[in-house]
Amino acid sequence: SAIELNREIMGATNPDQAEPGTIRKEFA
């Protein structure tokens, strides 16, 4: 399920809405 898993790891497009520990929350 690489597509879904990749998107979970990235987090929401808006970093303010991304879950802690996701790429976008941590680095965007």
PDB file of all heavy atoms in Angstrom:
ATOM      1  N   SER A   1       0.833  -1.213   0.000  1.00  0.00           N
ATOM      2  CA  SER A   1       0.000   0.000   0.000  1.00  0.00           C
ATOM      3  C   SER A   1       0.867   1.262   0.000  1.00  0.00           C
ATOM      4  O   SER A   1       0.626   2.212   0.736  1.00  0.00           O
ATOM      5  CB  SER A   1      -0.953  -0.005   1.195  1.00  0.00           C
ATOM      6  OG  SER A   1      -1.774  -1.162   1.170  1.00  0.00           O
ATOM      7  N   ALA A   2       1.887   1.273  -0.867  1.00  0.00           N
ATOM      8  CA  ALA A   2       2.884   2.344  -0.886  1.00  0.00           C
ATOM      9  C   ALA A   2       2.288   3.729  -1.112  1.00  0.00           C
ATOM     10  O   ALA A   2       2.758   4.702  -0.512  1.00  0.00           O
ATOM     11  CB  ALA A   2       3.942   2.058  -1.956  1.00  0.00           C
ATOM     12  N   ILE A   3       1.273   3.830  -1.926  1.00  0.00           N
ATOM     13  CA  ILE A   3       0.691   5.139  -2.228  1.00  0.00           C
ATOM     14  C   ILE A   3       0.080   5.741  -0.966  1.00  0.00           C
ATOM     15  O   ILE A   3       0.395   6.877  -0.589  1.00  0.00           O
ATOM     16  CB  ILE A   3      -0.341   5.028  -3.364  1.00  0.00           C
ATOM     17  CG1 ILE A   3       0.356   4.600  -4.659  1.00  0.00           C
ATOM     18  CG2 ILE A   3      -1.093   6.348  -3.558  1.00  0.00           C
ATOM     19  CD1 ILE A   3      -0.574   4.098  -5.742  1.00  0.00           C
ATOM     20  N   GLU A   4      -0.754   4.974  -0.315  1.00  0.00           N
ATOM     21  CA  GLU A   4      -1.407   5.447   0.909  1.00  0.00           C
ATOM     22  C   GLU A   4      -0.382   5.678   2.031  1.00  0.00           C
ATOM     23  O   GLU A   4      -0.434   6.698   2.731  1.00  0.00           O
ATOM     24  CB  GLU A   4      -2.450   4.435   1.365  1.00  0.00           C
ATOM     25  CG  GLU A   4      -3.183   4.839   2.615  1.00  0.00           C
ATOM     26  CD  GLU A   4      -4.194   3.789   3.060  1.00  0.00           C
ATOM     27  OE1 GLU A   4      -4.581   2.925   2.253  1.00  0.00           O
ATOM     28  OE2 GLU A   4      -4.590   3.848   4.234  1.00  0.00           O
ATOM     29  N   LEU A   5       0.557   4.757   2.173  1.00  0.00           N
ATOM     30  CA  LEU A   5       1.558   4.886   3.232  1.00  0.00           C
ATOM     31  C   LEU A   5       2.432   6.119   3.009  1.00  0.00           C
ATOM     32  O   LEU A   5       2.709   6.871   3.949  1.00  0.00           O
ATOM     33  CB  LEU A   5       2.410   3.620   3.307  1.00  0.00           C
ATOM     34  CG  LEU A   5       3.462   3.563   4.405  1.00  0.00           C
ATOM     35  CD1 LEU A   5       2.865   3.825   5.781  1.00  0.00           C
ATOM     36  CD2 LEU A   5       4.179   2.215   4.373  1.00  0.00           C
ATOM     37  N   ASN A   6       2.849   6.351   1.772  1.00  0.00           N
ATOM     38  CA  ASN A   6       3.642   7.536   1.460  1.00  0.00           C
ATOM     39  C   ASN A   6       2.887   8.804   1.845  1.00  0.00           C
ATOM     40  O   ASN A   6       3.447   9.714   2.452  1.00  0.00           O
ATOM     41  CB  ASN A   6       4.001   7.553  -0.029  1.00  0.00           C
ATOM     42  CG  ASN A   6       4.787   8.771  -0.445  1.00  0.00           C
ATOM     43  OD1 ASN A   6       5.578   9.327   0.315  1.00  0.00           O
ATOM     44  ND2 ASN A   6       4.578   9.205  -1.670  1.00  0.00           N
ATOM     45  N   ARG A   7       1.606   8.864   1.529  1.00  0.00           N
ATOM     46  CA  ARG A   7       0.817  10.050   1.828  1.00  0.00           C
ATOM     47  C   ARG A   7       0.652  10.237   3.345  1.00  0.00           C
ATOM     48  O   ARG A   7       0.655  11.354   3.842  1.00  0.00           O
ATOM     49  CB  ARG A   7      -0.510  10.002   1.087  1.00  0.00           C
ATOM     50  CG  ARG A   7      -0.262  10.023  -0.447  1.00  0.00           C
ATOM     51  CD  ARG A   7      -1.496  10.130  -1.274  1.00  0.00           C
ATOM     52  NE  ARG A   7      -2.146  11.414  -1.135  1.00  0.00           N
ATOM     53  CZ  ARG A   7      -1.719  12.556  -1.687  1.00  0.00           C
ATOM     54  NH1 ARG A   7      -0.616  12.574  -2.416  1.00  0.00           N
ATOM     55  NH2 ARG A   7      -2.396  13.680  -1.529  1.00  0.00           N
ATOM     56  N   GLU A   8       0.530   9.141   4.075  1.00  0.00           N
ATOM     57  CA  GLU A   8       0.463   9.224   5.544  1.00  0.00           C
ATOM     58  C   GLU A   8       1.768   9.773   6.122  1.00  0.00           C
ATOM     59  O   GLU A   8       1.755  10.600   7.025  1.00  0.00           O
ATOM     60  CB  GLU A   8       0.184   7.852   6.148  1.00  0.00           C
ATOM     61  CG  GLU A   8      -1.224   7.362   5.946  1.00  0.00           C
ATOM     62  CD  GLU A   8      -1.424   5.942   6.446  1.00  0.00           C
ATOM     63  OE1 GLU A   8      -0.562   5.427   7.206  1.00  0.00           O
ATOM     64  OE2 GLU A   8      -2.438   5.325   6.072  1.00  0.00           O
ATOM     65  N   ILE A   9       2.890   9.299   5.590  1.00  0.00           N
ATOM     66  CA  ILE A   9       4.195   9.735   6.072  1.00  0.00           C
ATOM     67  C   ILE A   9       4.424  11.212   5.756  1.00  0.00           C
ATOM     68  O   ILE A   9       4.998  11.937   6.562  1.00  0.00           O
ATOM     69  CB  ILE A   9       5.320   8.855   5.477  1.00  0.00           C
ATOM     70  CG1 ILE A   9       5.177   7.412   5.972  1.00  0.00           C
ATOM     71  CG2 ILE A   9       6.708   9.411   5.816  1.00  0.00           C
ATOM     72  CD1 ILE A   9       5.994   6.398   5.191  1.00  0.00           C
ATOM     73  N   MET A  10       3.953  11.657   4.594  1.00  0.00           N
ATOM     74  CA  MET A  10       4.096  13.070   4.218  1.00  0.00           C
ATOM     75  C   MET A  10       3.250  13.961   5.104  1.00  0.00           C
ATOM     76  O   MET A  10       3.678  15.041   5.498  1.00  0.00           O
ATOM     77  CB  MET A  10       3.673  13.298   2.759  1.00  0.00           C
ATOM     78  CG  MET A  10       4.647  12.802   1.741  1.00  0.00           C
ATOM     79  SD  MET A  10       4.236  13.343   0.058  1.00  0.00           S
ATOM     80  CE  MET A  10       2.520  12.903  -0.112  1.00  0.00           C
ATOM     81  N   GLY A  11       2.020  13.572   5.370  1.00  0.00           N
ATOM     82  CA  GLY A  11       1.097  14.407   6.138  1.00  0.00           C
ATOM     83  C   GLY A  11       0.292  15.323   5.242  1.00  0.00           C
ATOM     84  O   GLY A  11       0.486  15.370   4.025  1.00  0.00           O
ATOM     85  N   ALA A  12      -0.614  16.063   5.841  1.00  0.00           N
ATOM     86  CA  ALA A  12      -1.500  16.967   5.100  1.00  0.00           C
ATOM     87  C   ALA A  12      -0.693  18.010   4.335  1.00  0.00           C
ATOM     88  O   ALA A  12       0.368  18.444   4.785  1.00  0.00           O
ATOM     89  CB  ALA A  12      -2.463  17.654   6.060  1.00  0.00           C
ATOM     90  N   THR A  13      -1.223  18.422   3.176  1.00  0.00           N
ATOM     91  CA  THR A  13      -0.562  19.429   2.341  1.00  0.00           C
ATOM     92  C   THR A  13      -0.270  20.696   3.131  1.00  0.00           C
ATOM     93  O   THR A  13       0.797  21.281   3.019  1.00  0.00           O
ATOM     94  CB  THR A  13      -1.429  19.758   1.112  1.00  0.00           C
ATOM     95  OG1 THR A  13      -1.679  18.556   0.387  1.00  0.00           O
ATOM     96  CG2 THR A  13      -0.760  20.768   0.211  1.00  0.00           C
ATOM     97  N   ASN A  14      -1.235  21.117   3.940  1.00  0.00           N
ATOM     98  CA  ASN A  14      -1.045  22.278   4.794  1.00  0.00           C
ATOM     99  C   ASN A  14      -0.316  21.811   6.051  1.00  0.00           C
ATOM    100  O   ASN A  14      -0.878  21.061   6.855  1.00  0.00           O
ATOM    101  CB  ASN A  14      -2.397  22.891   5.160  1.00  0.00           C
ATOM    102  CG  ASN A  14      -2.273  24.120   6.016  1.00  0.00           C
ATOM    103  OD1 ASN A  14      -1.245  24.360   6.645  1.00  0.00           O
ATOM    104  ND2 ASN A  14      -3.329  24.911   6.061  1.00  0.00           N
ATOM    105  N   PRO A  15       0.923  22.249   6.244  1.00  0.00           N
ATOM    106  CA  PRO A  15       1.680  21.760   7.402  1.00  0.00           C
ATOM    107  C   PRO A  15       1.026  22.079   8.746  1.00  0.00           C
ATOM    108  O   PRO A  15       1.238  21.353   9.716  1.00  0.00           O
ATOM    109  CB  PRO A  15       3.037  22.450   7.268  1.00  0.00           C
ATOM    110  CG  PRO A  15       2.849  23.531   6.277  1.00  0.00           C
ATOM    111  CD  PRO A  15       1.676  23.177   5.432  1.00  0.00           C
ATOM    112  N   ASP A  16       0.201  23.118   8.794  1.00  0.00           N
ATOM    113  CA  ASP A  16      -0.503  23.441  10.039  1.00  0.00           C
ATOM    114  C   ASP A  16      -1.540  22.378  10.395  1.00  0.00           C
ATOM    115  O   ASP A  16      -1.926  22.247  11.553  1.00  0.00           O
ATOM    116  CB  ASP A  16      -1.191  24.804   9.937  1.00  0.00           C
ATOM    117  CG  ASP A  16      -0.195  25.950   9.847  1.00  0.00           C
ATOM    118  OD1 ASP A  16       0.953  25.796  10.309  1.00  0.00           O
ATOM    119  OD2 ASP A  16      -0.572  27.008   9.295  1.00  0.00           O
ATOM    120  N   GLN A  17      -1.991  21.608   9.394  1.00  0.00           N
ATOM    121  CA  GLN A  17      -2.987  20.562   9.608  1.00  0.00           C
ATOM    122  C   GLN A  17      -2.365  19.167   9.639  1.00  0.00           C
ATOM    123  O   GLN A  17      -3.060  18.181   9.851  1.00  0.00           O
ATOM    124  CB  GLN A  17      -4.054  20.630   8.521  1.00  0.00           C
ATOM    125  CG  GLN A  17      -4.825  21.932   8.523  1.00  0.00           C
ATOM    126  CD  GLN A  17      -5.737  22.074   7.311  1.00  0.00           C
ATOM    127  OE1 GLN A  17      -5.730  21.262   6.399  1.00  0.00           O
ATOM    128  NE2 GLN A  17      -6.525  23.136   7.315  1.00  0.00           N
ATOM    129  N   ALA A  18      -1.057  19.078   9.407  1.00  0.00           N
ATOM    130  CA  ALA A  18      -0.379  17.781   9.366  1.00  0.00           C
ATOM    131  C   ALA A  18      -0.192  17.224  10.777  1.00  0.00           C
ATOM    132  O   ALA A  18      -0.027  17.969  11.744  1.00  0.00           O
ATOM    133  CB  ALA A  18       0.977  17.926   8.674  1.00  0.00           C
ATOM    134  N   GLU A  19      -0.231  15.920  10.871  1.00  0.00           N
ATOM    135  CA  GLU A  19      -0.037  15.225  12.144  1.00  0.00           C
ATOM    136  C   GLU A  19       1.419  15.334  12.598  1.00  0.00           C
ATOM    137  O   GLU A  19       2.335  15.321  11.768  1.00  0.00           O
ATOM    138  CB  GLU A  19      -0.406  13.749  12.002  1.00  0.00           C
ATOM    139  CG  GLU A  19      -1.876  13.496  11.738  1.00  0.00           C
ATOM    140  CD  GLU A  19      -2.753  13.819  12.931  1.00  0.00           C
ATOM    141  OE1 GLU A  19      -2.326  13.554  14.074  1.00  0.00           O
ATOM    142  OE2 GLU A  19      -3.857  14.340  12.714  1.00  0.00           O
ATOM    143  N   PRO A  20       1.652  15.391  13.901  1.00  0.00           N
ATOM    144  CA  PRO A  20       3.029  15.378  14.407  1.00  0.00           C
ATOM    145  C   PRO A  20       3.770  14.132  13.908  1.00  0.00           C
ATOM    146  O   PRO A  20       3.185  13.058  13.793  1.00  0.00           O
ATOM    147  CB  PRO A  20       2.848  15.331  15.919  1.00  0.00           C
ATOM    148  CG  PRO A  20       1.495  15.926  16.155  1.00  0.00           C
ATOM    149  CD  PRO A  20       0.661  15.505  14.967  1.00  0.00           C
ATOM    150  N   GLY A  21       5.041  14.304  13.608  1.00  0.00           N
ATOM    151  CA  GLY A  21       5.859  13.193  13.139  1.00  0.00           C
ATOM    152  C   GLY A  21       5.842  12.985  11.644  1.00  0.00           C
ATOM    153  O   GLY A  21       6.575  12.137  11.132  1.00  0.00           O
ATOM    154  N   THR A  22       5.003  13.735  10.922  1.00  0.00           N
ATOM    155  CA  THR A  22       4.975  13.622   9.465  1.00  0.00           C
ATOM    156  C   THR A  22       6.011  14.564   8.854  1.00  0.00           C
ATOM    157  O   THR A  22       6.482  15.510   9.501  1.00  0.00           O
ATOM    158  CB  THR A  22       3.580  13.951   8.886  1.00  0.00           C
ATOM    159  OG1 THR A  22       3.251  15.308   9.212  1.00  0.00           O
ATOM    160  CG2 THR A  22       2.520  13.000   9.437  1.00  0.00           C
ATOM    161  N   ILE A  23       6.371  14.293   7.622  1.00  0.00           N
ATOM    162  CA  ILE A  23       7.364  15.121   6.932  1.00  0.00           C
ATOM    163  C   ILE A  23       6.944  16.581   6.927  1.00  0.00           C
ATOM    164  O   ILE A  23       7.734  17.466   7.265  1.00  0.00           O
ATOM    165  CB  ILE A  23       7.583  14.613   5.489  1.00  0.00           C
ATOM    166  CG1 ILE A  23       8.270  13.246   5.512  1.00  0.00           C
ATOM    167  CG2 ILE A  23       8.386  15.625   4.665  1.00  0.00           C
ATOM    168  CD1 ILE A  23       8.278  12.523   4.176  1.00  0.00           C
ATOM    169  N   ARG A  24       5.715  16.841   6.549  1.00  0.00           N
ATOM    170  CA  ARG A  24       5.275  18.226   6.414  1.00  0.00           C
ATOM    171  C   ARG A  24       5.154  18.941   7.758  1.00  0.00           C
ATOM    172  O   ARG A  24       5.436  20.132   7.851  1.00  0.00           O
ATOM    173  CB  ARG A  24       3.986  18.280   5.607  1.00  0.00           C
ATOM    174  CG  ARG A  24       4.250  17.904   4.139  1.00  0.00           C
ATOM    175  CD  ARG A  24       2.999  17.795   3.348  1.00  0.00           C
ATOM    176  NE  ARG A  24       3.295  17.604   1.925  1.00  0.00           N
ATOM    177  CZ  ARG A  24       2.436  17.088   1.078  1.00  0.00           C
ATOM    178  NH1 ARG A  24       1.228  16.712   1.487  1.00  0.00           N
ATOM    179  NH2 ARG A  24       2.764  16.949  -0.200  1.00  0.00           N
ATOM    180  N   LYS A  25       4.765  18.238   8.790  1.00  0.00           N
ATOM    181  CA  LYS A  25       4.687  18.864  10.115  1.00  0.00           C
ATOM    182  C   LYS A  25       6.093  19.192  10.627  1.00  0.00           C
ATOM    183  O   LYS A  25       6.317  20.248  11.208  1.00  0.00           O
ATOM    184  CB  LYS A  25       3.962  17.945  11.104  1.00  0.00           C
ATOM    185  CG  LYS A  25       3.685  18.598  12.434  1.00  0.00           C
ATOM    186  CD  LYS A  25       2.746  19.774  12.265  1.00  0.00           C
ATOM    187  CE  LYS A  25       2.113  20.215  13.549  1.00  0.00           C
ATOM    188  NZ  LYS A  25       1.090  21.244  13.306  1.00  0.00           N
ATOM    189  N   GLU A  26       7.016  18.275  10.387  1.00  0.00           N
ATOM    190  CA  GLU A  26       8.369  18.428  10.916  1.00  0.00           C
ATOM    191  C   GLU A  26       9.233  19.384  10.087  1.00  0.00           C
ATOM    192  O   GLU A  26      10.079  20.077  10.647  1.00  0.00           O
ATOM    193  CB  GLU A  26       9.069  17.068  11.002  1.00  0.00           C
ATOM    194  CG  GLU A  26       8.353  16.051  11.877  1.00  0.00           C
ATOM    195  CD  GLU A  26       8.146  16.516  13.309  1.00  0.00           C
ATOM    196  OE1 GLU A  26       9.071  17.103  13.893  1.00  0.00           O
ATOM    197  OE2 GLU A  26       7.031  16.310  13.836  1.00  0.00           O
ATOM    198  N   PHE A  27       9.042  19.418   8.752  1.00  0.00           N
ATOM    199  CA  PHE A  27      10.008  20.105   7.895  1.00  0.00           C
ATOM    200  C   PHE A  27       9.451  21.207   7.000  1.00  0.00           C
ATOM    201  O   PHE A  27      10.226  22.040   6.514  1.00  0.00           O
ATOM    202  CB  PHE A  27      10.728  19.091   7.003  1.00  0.00           C
ATOM    203  CG  PHE A  27      11.424  17.999   7.762  1.00  0.00           C
ATOM    204  CD1 PHE A  27      11.159  16.668   7.484  1.00  0.00           C
ATOM    205  CD2 PHE A  27      12.335  18.289   8.762  1.00  0.00           C
ATOM    206  CE1 PHE A  27      11.801  15.651   8.164  1.00  0.00           C
ATOM    207  CE2 PHE A  27      12.985  17.278   9.461  1.00  0.00           C
ATOM    208  CZ  PHE A  27      12.718  15.954   9.162  1.00  0.00           C
ATOM    209  N   ALA A  28       8.149  21.228   6.717  1.00  0.00           N
ATOM    210  CA  ALA A  28       7.603  22.207   5.766  1.00  0.00           C
ATOM    211  C   ALA A  28       7.766  23.633   6.274  1.00  0.00           C
ATOM    212  O   ALA A  28       7.676  23.897   7.471  1.00  0.00           O
ATOM    213  CB  ALA A  28       6.132  21.912   5.503  1.00  0.00           C
TER     214      ALA A  28
END
